[in-house]
C-alpha atoms as a PDB file:
ATOM      1  CA  MET A   1      52.355  36.138  29.022  1.00  0.00           C
ATOM      2  CA  ARG A   2      50.251  34.116  31.392  1.00  0.00           C
ATOM      3  CA  PHE A   3      50.193  30.331  31.385  1.00  0.00           C
ATOM      4  CA  SER A   4      47.304  28.389  32.832  1.00  0.00           C
ATOM      5  CA  VAL A   5      48.192  25.576  35.200  1.00  0.00           C
ATOM      6  CA  PRO A   6      46.238  22.360  34.601  1.00  0.00           C
ATOM      7  CA  SER A   7      43.892  21.580  37.477  1.00  0.00           C
ATOM      8  CA  LYS A   8      43.859  18.311  39.384  1.00  0.00           C
ATOM      9  CA  GLU A   9      40.548  17.423  37.756  1.00  0.00           C
ATOM     10  CA  THR A  10      42.125  17.827  34.305  1.00  0.00           C
ATOM     11  CA  GLY A  11      44.982  15.538  35.333  1.00  0.00           C
ATOM     12  CA  TYR A  12      42.601  12.933  36.745  1.00  0.00           C
ATOM     13  CA  ARG A  13      40.517  13.076  33.579  1.00  0.00           C
ATOM     14  CA  ALA A  14      43.575  12.523  31.376  1.00  0.00           C
ATOM     15  CA  LEU A  15      44.661   9.653  33.600  1.00  0.00           C
ATOM     16  CA  ARG A  16      41.238   8.005  33.429  1.00  0.00           C
ATOM     17  CA  ILE A  17      41.179   8.252  29.643  1.00  0.00           C
ATOM     18  CA  ALA A  18      44.730   6.875  29.350  1.00  0.00           C
ATOM     19  CA  LEU A  19      43.960   3.956  31.661  1.00  0.00           C
ATOM     20  CA  PHE A  20      40.796   3.172  29.732  1.00  0.00           C
ATOM     21  CA  TYR A  21      42.599   2.945  26.377  1.00  0.00           C
ATOM     22  CA  ILE A  22      45.428   0.946  27.918  1.00  0.00           C
ATOM     23  CA  ALA A  23      42.826  -1.501  29.256  1.00  0.00           C
ATOM     24  CA  VAL A  24      41.145  -1.719  25.822  1.00  0.00           C
ATOM     25  CA  ILE A  25      44.463  -2.494  24.121  1.00  0.00           C
ATOM     26  CA  GLY A  26      45.260  -5.008  26.856  1.00  0.00           C
ATOM     27  CA  VAL A  27      41.966  -6.844  26.358  1.00  0.00           C
ATOM     28  CA  TRP A  28      42.469  -6.727  22.589  1.00  0.00           C
ATOM     29  CA  TRP A  29      45.980  -8.159  22.938  1.00  0.00           C
ATOM     30  CA  GLY A  30      44.736 -10.881  25.308  1.00  0.00           C
ATOM     31  CA  ILE A  31      41.989 -11.983  22.901  1.00  0.00           C
ATOM     32  CA  ALA A  32      44.475 -12.056  20.020  1.00  0.00           C
ATOM     33  CA  ARG A  33      46.966 -14.091  22.068  1.00  0.00           C
ATOM     34  CA  ALA A  34      44.253 -16.565  23.029  1.00  0.00           C
ATOM     35  CA  GLU A  35      43.713 -17.187  19.282  1.00  0.00           C
ATOM     36  CA  ILE A  36      39.968 -17.572  19.656  1.00  0.00           C
ATOM     37  CA  TRP A  37      39.957 -16.521  16.017  1.00  0.00           C
ATOM     38  CA  SER A  38      42.726 -16.955  13.483  1.00  0.00           C
ATOM     39  CA  PRO A  39      45.230 -14.063  13.250  1.00  0.00           C
ATOM     40  CA  TYR A  40      44.029 -13.684   9.655  1.00  0.00           C
ATOM     41  CA  LEU A  41      40.590 -12.796  11.058  1.00  0.00           C
ATOM     42  CA  PHE A  42      41.487 -10.992  14.298  1.00  0.00           C
ATOM     43  CA  PRO A  43      44.960  -9.406  14.293  1.00  0.00           C
ATOM     44  CA  ALA A  44      46.955  -8.384  17.344  1.00  0.00           C
ATOM     45  CA  PRO A  45      47.463  -4.669  18.119  1.00  0.00           C
ATOM     46  CA  ASP A  46      51.111  -4.739  17.034  1.00  0.00           C
ATOM     47  CA  ALA A  47      50.147  -6.094  13.583  1.00  0.00           C
ATOM     48  CA  VAL A  48      47.545  -3.338  13.160  1.00  0.00           C
ATOM     49  CA  PHE A  49      49.951  -0.584  14.241  1.00  0.00           C
ATOM     50  CA  LYS A  50      52.594  -2.009  11.894  1.00  0.00           C
ATOM     51  CA  ALA A  51      50.123  -1.865   8.993  1.00  0.00           C
ATOM     52  CA  LEU A  52      49.179   1.664  10.020  1.00  0.00           C
ATOM     53  CA  ARG A  53      52.808   2.791  10.068  1.00  0.00           C
ATOM     54  CA  THR A  54      53.492   1.159   6.703  1.00  0.00           C
ATOM     55  CA  ASN A  55      50.565   2.890   5.017  1.00  0.00           C
ATOM     56  CA  LEU A  56      51.475   6.196   6.630  1.00  0.00           C
ATOM     57  CA  GLU A  57      55.047   5.965   5.422  1.00  0.00           C
ATOM     58  CA  ASN A  58      54.117   5.016   1.853  1.00  0.00           C
ATOM     59  CA  GLY A  59      51.635   7.915   1.720  1.00  0.00           C
ATOM     60  CA  GLN A  60      48.484   5.871   1.090  1.00  0.00           C
ATOM     61  CA  ILE A  61      46.646   6.902   4.240  1.00  0.00           C
ATOM     62  CA  PRO A  62      47.476  10.653   4.024  1.00  0.00           C
ATOM     63  CA  ALA A  63      46.377  10.704   0.364  1.00  0.00           C
ATOM     64  CA  ALA A  64      43.195   8.771   1.205  1.00  0.00           C
ATOM     65  CA  VAL A  65      42.338  11.099   4.113  1.00  0.00           C
ATOM     66  CA  LEU A  66      42.813  14.144   1.898  1.00  0.00           C
ATOM     67  CA  ALA A  67      40.643  12.700  -0.891  1.00  0.00           C
ATOM     68  CA  SER A  68      37.867  11.720   1.521  1.00  0.00           C
ATOM     69  CA  LEU A  69      37.881  15.086   3.290  1.00  0.00           C
ATOM     70  CA  GLN A  70      37.685  16.926  -0.033  1.00  0.00           C
ATOM     71  CA  ARG A  71      34.591  14.957  -1.032  1.00  0.00           C
ATOM     72  CA  MET A  72      33.188  15.408   2.451  1.00  0.00           C
ATOM     73  CA  ALA A  73      33.699  19.178   2.396  1.00  0.00           C
ATOM     74  CA  ILE A  74      31.842  19.573  -0.896  1.00  0.00           C
ATOM     75  CA  GLY A  75      28.974  17.284   0.026  1.00  0.00           C
ATOM     76  CA  TYR A  76      28.551  18.593   3.552  1.00  0.00           C
ATOM     77  CA  VAL A  77      28.577  22.283   2.638  1.00  0.00           C
ATOM     78  CA  VAL A  78      25.960  21.754  -0.065  1.00  0.00           C
ATOM     79  CA  SER A  79      23.838  19.571   2.224  1.00  0.00           C
ATOM     80  CA  PHE A  80      24.030  22.201   4.974  1.00  0.00           C
ATOM     81  CA  VAL A  81      22.752  24.937   2.663  1.00  0.00           C
ATOM     82  CA  LEU A  82      19.982  22.748   1.251  1.00  0.00           C
ATOM     83  CA  GLY A  83      19.042  21.422   4.694  1.00  0.00           C
ATOM     84  CA  MET A  84      18.821  24.915   6.163  1.00  0.00           C
ATOM     85  CA  LEU A  85      16.626  26.194   3.349  1.00  0.00           C
ATOM     86  CA  LEU A  86      14.413  23.127   3.516  1.00  0.00           C
ATOM     87  CA  GLY A  87      14.084  23.327   7.302  1.00  0.00           C
ATOM     88  CA  ILE A  88      13.196  27.033   7.202  1.00  0.00           C
ATOM     89  CA  LEU A  89      10.591  26.362   4.524  1.00  0.00           C
ATOM     90  CA  ILE A  90       8.979  23.571   6.516  1.00  0.00           C
ATOM     91  CA  ALA A  91       8.936  25.566   9.752  1.00  0.00           C
ATOM     92  CA  SER A  92       7.618  28.746   8.108  1.00  0.00           C
ATOM     93  CA  SER A  93       4.696  27.250   6.213  1.00  0.00           C
ATOM     94  CA  LYS A  94       1.912  25.152   7.676  1.00  0.00           C
ATOM     95  CA  TRP A  95       1.219  23.659   4.267  1.00  0.00           C
ATOM     96  CA  ALA A  96       4.893  22.765   3.740  1.00  0.00           C
ATOM     97  CA  ASN A  97       5.114  21.298   7.232  1.00  0.00           C
ATOM     98  CA  GLU A  98       2.110  19.037   6.615  1.00  0.00           C
ATOM     99  CA  THR A  99       3.295  17.875   3.181  1.00  0.00           C
ATOM    100  CA  VAL A 100       7.029  18.267   2.621  1.00  0.00           C
ATOM    101  CA  GLY A 101       7.716  17.805   6.329  1.00  0.00           C
ATOM    102  CA  GLY A 102       6.221  14.332   6.296  1.00  0.00           C
ATOM    103  CA  VAL A 103       8.306  13.392   3.273  1.00  0.00           C
ATOM    104  CA  VAL A 104      11.478  14.658   4.948  1.00  0.00           C
ATOM    105  CA  LEU A 105      10.797  12.628   8.090  1.00  0.00           C
ATOM    106  CA  GLY A 106      10.098   9.537   6.023  1.00  0.00           C
ATOM    107  CA  VAL A 107      13.129   9.854   3.766  1.00  0.00           C
ATOM    108  CA  GLN A 108      15.385  10.468   6.768  1.00  0.00           C
ATOM    109  CA  SER A 109      14.625   6.917   7.935  1.00  0.00           C
ATOM    110  CA  LEU A 110      16.232   5.492   4.785  1.00  0.00           C
ATOM    111  CA  PRO A 111      19.821   4.267   5.251  1.00  0.00           C
ATOM    112  CA  SER A 112      22.084   6.415   3.119  1.00  0.00           C
ATOM    113  CA  ILE A 113      23.585   3.386   1.359  1.00  0.00           C
ATOM    114  CA  THR A 114      20.203   2.732  -0.269  1.00  0.00           C
ATOM    115  CA  TRP A 115      20.770   5.845  -2.401  1.00  0.00           C
ATOM    116  CA  LEU A 116      23.886   4.374  -3.980  1.00  0.00           C
ATOM    117  CA  PRO A 117      22.169   2.302  -6.723  1.00  0.00           C
ATOM    118  CA  LEU A 118      20.181   5.370  -7.751  1.00  0.00           C
ATOM    119  CA  ALA A 119      23.343   7.491  -7.716  1.00  0.00           C
ATOM    120  CA  VAL A 120      25.117   5.018  -9.985  1.00  0.00           C
ATOM    121  CA  LEU A 121      22.207   4.970 -12.431  1.00  0.00           C
ATOM    122  CA  TRP A 122      22.011   8.760 -12.532  1.00  0.00           C
ATOM    123  CA  PHE A 123      25.677   9.751 -12.400  1.00  0.00           C
ATOM    124  CA  GLY A 124      27.594   6.575 -13.199  1.00  0.00           C
ATOM    125  CA  LEU A 125      30.724   5.518 -11.350  1.00  0.00           C
ATOM    126  CA  SER A 126      31.845   9.057 -10.646  1.00  0.00           C
ATOM    127  CA  GLU A 127      32.621  11.612  -7.952  1.00  0.00           C
ATOM    128  CA  GLN A 128      29.160  13.098  -8.449  1.00  0.00           C
ATOM    129  CA  ALA A 129      27.592   9.805  -7.383  1.00  0.00           C
ATOM    130  CA  ILE A 130      29.551   9.779  -4.125  1.00  0.00           C
ATOM    131  CA  ILE A 131      28.694  13.401  -3.375  1.00  0.00           C
ATOM    132  CA  PHE A 132      25.031  12.671  -4.106  1.00  0.00           C
ATOM    133  CA  VAL A 133      25.064   9.884  -1.505  1.00  0.00           C
ATOM    134  CA  VAL A 134      26.640  12.262   1.011  1.00  0.00           C
ATOM    135  CA  LEU A 135      23.951  14.851   0.270  1.00  0.00           C
ATOM    136  CA  MET A 136      21.124  12.392   0.767  1.00  0.00           C
ATOM    137  CA  GLY A 137      22.706  11.112   3.951  1.00  0.00           C
ATOM    138  CA  SER A 138      22.900  14.468   5.738  1.00  0.00           C
ATOM    139  CA  THR A 139      20.539  17.006   4.124  1.00  0.00           C
ATOM    140  CA  PHE A 140      17.348  15.746   5.740  1.00  0.00           C
ATOM    141  CA  SER A 141      18.925  15.440   9.194  1.00  0.00           C
ATOM    142  CA  ILE A 142      19.999  19.077   9.014  1.00  0.00           C
ATOM    143  CA  ALA A 143      16.550  20.093   7.723  1.00  0.00           C
ATOM    144  CA  ILE A 144      14.815  18.378  10.648  1.00  0.00           C
ATOM    145  CA  SER A 145      17.113  20.121  13.133  1.00  0.00           C
ATOM    146  CA  ALA A 146      16.523  23.503  11.473  1.00  0.00           C
ATOM    147  CA  ARG A 147      12.768  22.923  11.635  1.00  0.00           C
ATOM    148  CA  ALA A 148      12.967  21.960  15.322  1.00  0.00           C
ATOM    149  CA  GLY A 149      15.124  24.989  16.092  1.00  0.00           C
ATOM    150  CA  ILE A 150      12.654  27.418  14.515  1.00  0.00           C
ATOM    151  CA  LEU A 151       9.558  25.820  16.008  1.00  0.00           C
ATOM    152  CA  GLY A 152      11.235  25.868  19.430  1.00  0.00           C
ATOM    153  CA  ILE A 153      11.507  29.672  19.418  1.00  0.00           C
ATOM    154  CA  PRO A 154       8.773  31.251  21.570  1.00  0.00           C
ATOM    155  CA  PRO A 155       6.254  33.018  19.272  1.00  0.00           C
ATOM    156  CA  LEU A 156       6.250  35.933  21.700  1.00  0.00           C
ATOM    157  CA  LEU A 157       9.760  36.885  20.592  1.00  0.00           C
ATOM    158  CA  GLN A 158       8.739  37.125  16.932  1.00  0.00           C
ATOM    159  CA  ARG A 159       5.606  39.126  17.818  1.00  0.00           C
ATOM    160  CA  ALA A 160       7.739  41.453  19.946  1.00  0.00           C
ATOM    161  CA  ALA A 161      10.072  42.018  17.008  1.00  0.00           C
ATOM    162  CA  GLY A 162       7.087  42.879  14.812  1.00  0.00           C
ATOM    163  CA  THR A 163       5.762  45.253  17.436  1.00  0.00           C
ATOM    164  CA  LEU A 164       9.098  47.061  17.445  1.00  0.00           C
ATOM    165  CA  GLY A 165       8.837  47.597  13.701  1.00  0.00           C
ATOM    166  CA  ALA A 166      11.018  44.745  12.420  1.00  0.00           C
ATOM    167  CA  SER A 167      10.218  43.483   8.953  1.00  0.00           C
ATOM    168  CA  ARG A 168       9.818  39.782   8.248  1.00  0.00           C
ATOM    169  CA  TRP A 169      13.405  39.501   7.018  1.00  0.00           C
ATOM    170  CA  GLN A 170      14.722  41.443   9.994  1.00  0.00           C
ATOM    171  CA  ALA A 171      12.814  39.128  12.339  1.00  0.00           C
ATOM    172  CA  TYR A 172      14.439  36.136  10.654  1.00  0.00           C
ATOM    173  CA  LEU A 173      17.880  37.732  10.780  1.00  0.00           C
ATOM    174  CA  TYR A 174      17.828  38.956  14.374  1.00  0.00           C
ATOM    175  CA  VAL A 175      15.370  36.604  16.101  1.00  0.00           C
ATOM    176  CA  VAL A 176      14.857  33.348  14.213  1.00  0.00           C
ATOM    177  CA  LEU A 177      18.409  32.611  13.077  1.00  0.00           C
ATOM    178  CA  PRO A 178      20.063  33.333  16.456  1.00  0.00           C
ATOM    179  CA  GLY A 179      17.299  31.428  18.241  1.00  0.00           C
ATOM    180  CA  MET A 180      17.766  28.285  16.165  1.00  0.00           C
ATOM    181  CA  ILE A 181      21.551  28.093  16.642  1.00  0.00           C
ATOM    182  CA  PRO A 182      21.506  25.686  19.648  1.00  0.00           C
ATOM    183  CA  ALA A 183      19.396  23.173  17.732  1.00  0.00           C
ATOM    184  CA  MET A 184      21.383  23.722  14.561  1.00  0.00           C
ATOM    185  CA  VAL A 185      24.703  22.885  16.223  1.00  0.00           C
ATOM    186  CA  GLN A 186      23.318  19.486  17.160  1.00  0.00           C
ATOM    187  CA  GLY A 187      21.851  19.096  13.683  1.00  0.00           C
ATOM    188  CA  MET A 188      25.162  19.949  12.042  1.00  0.00           C
ATOM    189  CA  LYS A 189      26.945  17.428  14.236  1.00  0.00           C
ATOM    190  CA  GLN A 190      24.425  14.714  13.443  1.00  0.00           C
ATOM    191  CA  GLY A 191      24.478  15.625   9.758  1.00  0.00           C
ATOM    192  CA  TRP A 192      28.271  15.328   9.734  1.00  0.00           C
ATOM    193  CA  SER A 193      28.163  11.839  11.249  1.00  0.00           C
ATOM    194  CA  PHE A 194      25.559  10.707   8.705  1.00  0.00           C
ATOM    195  CA  ALA A 195      27.537  12.244   5.840  1.00  0.00           C
ATOM    196  CA  TRP A 196      30.808  10.668   7.009  1.00  0.00           C
ATOM    197  CA  ARG A 197      29.248   7.205   7.165  1.00  0.00           C
ATOM    198  CA  SER A 198      27.604   7.723   3.787  1.00  0.00           C
ATOM    199  CA  LEU A 199      30.929   8.722   2.273  1.00  0.00           C
ATOM    200  CA  MET A 200      32.704   5.648   3.619  1.00  0.00           C
ATOM    201  CA  ALA A 201      29.973   3.378   2.305  1.00  0.00           C
ATOM    202  CA  GLY A 202      30.132   4.976  -1.142  1.00  0.00           C
ATOM    203  CA  GLU A 203      33.928   4.876  -1.343  1.00  0.00           C
ATOM    204  CA  LEU A 204      33.918   1.255  -0.273  1.00  0.00           C
ATOM    205  CA  LEU A 205      32.080   0.296  -3.447  1.00  0.00           C
ATOM    206  CA  PHE A 206      33.667   2.301  -6.209  1.00  0.00           C
ATOM    207  CA  VAL A 207      36.339   4.994  -6.108  1.00  0.00           C
ATOM    208  CA  SER A 208      40.019   5.071  -6.892  1.00  0.00           C
ATOM    209  CA  ALA A 209      41.036   7.009  -3.777  1.00  0.00           C
ATOM    210  CA  GLY A 210      39.739   7.496  -0.270  1.00  0.00           C
ATOM    211  CA  LEU A 211      39.595   5.718   3.060  1.00  0.00           C
ATOM    212  CA  GLY A 212      36.683   3.556   1.950  1.00  0.00           C
ATOM    213  CA  HIS A 213      38.728   2.450  -1.060  1.00  0.00           C
ATOM    214  CA  LEU A 214      41.621   1.455   1.222  1.00  0.00           C
ATOM    215  CA  LEU A 215      39.212  -0.721   3.195  1.00  0.00           C
ATOM    216  CA  ASP A 216      38.272  -2.488  -0.021  1.00  0.00           C
ATOM    217  CA  VAL A 217      41.940  -2.878  -0.965  1.00  0.00           C
ATOM    218  CA  GLY A 218      42.638  -4.530   2.391  1.00  0.00           C
ATOM    219  CA  ARG A 219      39.705  -6.872   1.881  1.00  0.00           C
ATOM    220  CA  ASN A 220      40.861  -7.854  -1.600  1.00  0.00           C
ATOM    221  CA  LEU A 221      44.370  -8.539  -0.288  1.00  0.00           C
ATOM    222  CA  ASN A 222      43.000 -10.528   2.682  1.00  0.00           C
ATOM    223  CA  ASN A 223      45.013  -8.119   4.854  1.00  0.00           C
ATOM    224  CA  ILE A 224      42.858  -7.840   7.966  1.00  0.00           C
ATOM    225  CA  ALA A 225      45.523  -5.772   9.753  1.00  0.00           C
ATOM    226  CA  MET A 226      45.253  -3.144   7.012  1.00  0.00           C
ATOM    227  CA  VAL A 227      41.471  -3.171   7.324  1.00  0.00           C
ATOM    228  CA  PHE A 228      41.701  -2.613  11.085  1.00  0.00           C
ATOM    229  CA  SER A 229      44.250   0.183  10.635  1.00  0.00           C
ATOM    230  CA  VAL A 230      42.065   2.041   8.117  1.00  0.00           C
ATOM    231  CA  MET A 231      39.047   1.650  10.405  1.00  0.00           C
ATOM    232  CA  PHE A 232      41.170   3.151  13.168  1.00  0.00           C
ATOM    233  CA  VAL A 233      41.991   6.144  10.953  1.00  0.00           C
ATOM    234  CA  ILE A 234      38.310   6.620  10.061  1.00  0.00           C
ATOM    235  CA  VAL A 235      37.423   6.749  13.748  1.00  0.00           C
ATOM    236  CA  ILE A 236      40.298   9.135  14.522  1.00  0.00           C
ATOM    237  CA  VAL A 237      39.259  11.546  11.757  1.00  0.00           C
ATOM    238  CA  GLY A 238      35.626  11.471  12.927  1.00  0.00           C
ATOM    239  CA  VAL A 239      36.567  12.105  16.557  1.00  0.00           C
ATOM    240  CA  ALA A 240      39.020  14.864  15.602  1.00  0.00           C
ATOM    241  CA  VAL A 241      36.393  16.739  13.576  1.00  0.00           C
ATOM    242  CA  ASP A 242      33.873  16.352  16.379  1.00  0.00           C
ATOM    243  CA  ARG A 243      36.265  17.638  19.058  1.00  0.00           C
ATOM    244  CA  LEU A 244      37.920  20.426  17.067  1.00  0.00           C
ATOM    245  CA  ILE A 245      34.830  21.830  15.317  1.00  0.00           C
ATOM    246  CA  PHE A 246      31.538  20.667  16.793  1.00  0.00           C
ATOM    247  CA  GLY A 247      32.846  20.317  20.345  1.00  0.00           C
ATOM    248  CA  ARG A 248      34.007  23.931  20.326  1.00  0.00           C
ATOM    249  CA  ALA A 249      30.724  25.049  18.762  1.00  0.00           C
ATOM    250  CA  GLU A 250      28.783  23.262  21.509  1.00  0.00           C
ATOM    251  CA  ARG A 251      30.880  24.897  24.230  1.00  0.00           C
ATOM    252  CA  TRP A 252      30.344  28.298  22.634  1.00  0.00           C
ATOM    253  CA  VAL A 253      26.572  27.714  22.535  1.00  0.00           C
ATOM    254  CA  GLN A 254      26.562  26.609  26.165  1.00  0.00           C
ATOM    255  CA  GLU A 255      28.420  29.744  27.237  1.00  0.00           C
ATOM    256  CA  ARG A 256      26.547  32.129  24.938  1.00  0.00           C
ATOM    257  CA  TRP A 257      23.069  30.820  25.800  1.00  0.00           C
ATOM    258  CA  GLY A 258      23.783  30.190  29.482  1.00  0.00           C
ATOM    259  CA  TYR A 259      23.637  26.391  29.369  1.00  0.00           C
ATOM    260  CA  ALA A 260      27.080  25.872  30.919  1.00  0.00           C
ATOM    261  CA  ALA A 261      27.207  24.940  34.582  1.00  0.00           C
END
């Protein structure tokens, strides 16, 4: 079995990142010690890490992460399917691009939280309302990326496939879909970030479990350290998903399509 030896550049990169976060915590600690704001409004790092450890040990944060990720998985998968179909429709039809495409671009500019009152009226205070907000927060972003990916494919490639005897469905399967993957990876990443923020906003208002709900619990208890700790977890989960899933997908696209240096 062969083991790869970390390069000097990898070591320097890890050192730079570690020094950066140490400096951030140092500045944070210095501001807290200066008591520019009351500790009830701006807690010190040790208070936040203590609150984080407490909520990890009592199981609140693990249960909240699991509940949020379950909602996120359902909403994101459905929004990806709908966004792909919508983007393909817009890119494949001039009429749909001129009509539905304009609506998609306009609706995408709406903040996802604005869908929450409509979700409550339609679905009540329920899981379906939260998932609906997630859908509306990410579907149109994915659709726009799918449209851009298809329209960015050189028409010559599709004509060449037709010349070689490929049917319309074969052209989509072997030319269009592979050609739109680079744009779709970015669209999926952007759609995830929109969906994650939409989910947190929805959970903050009305659910019995989830990271957004823990934020609201901390606010109701006037426990600013708990609020900071939950925000820290939200950021960690978002970064972890980006690095483990979308980061790897981006590297694969760069290598597969020859974008890597």
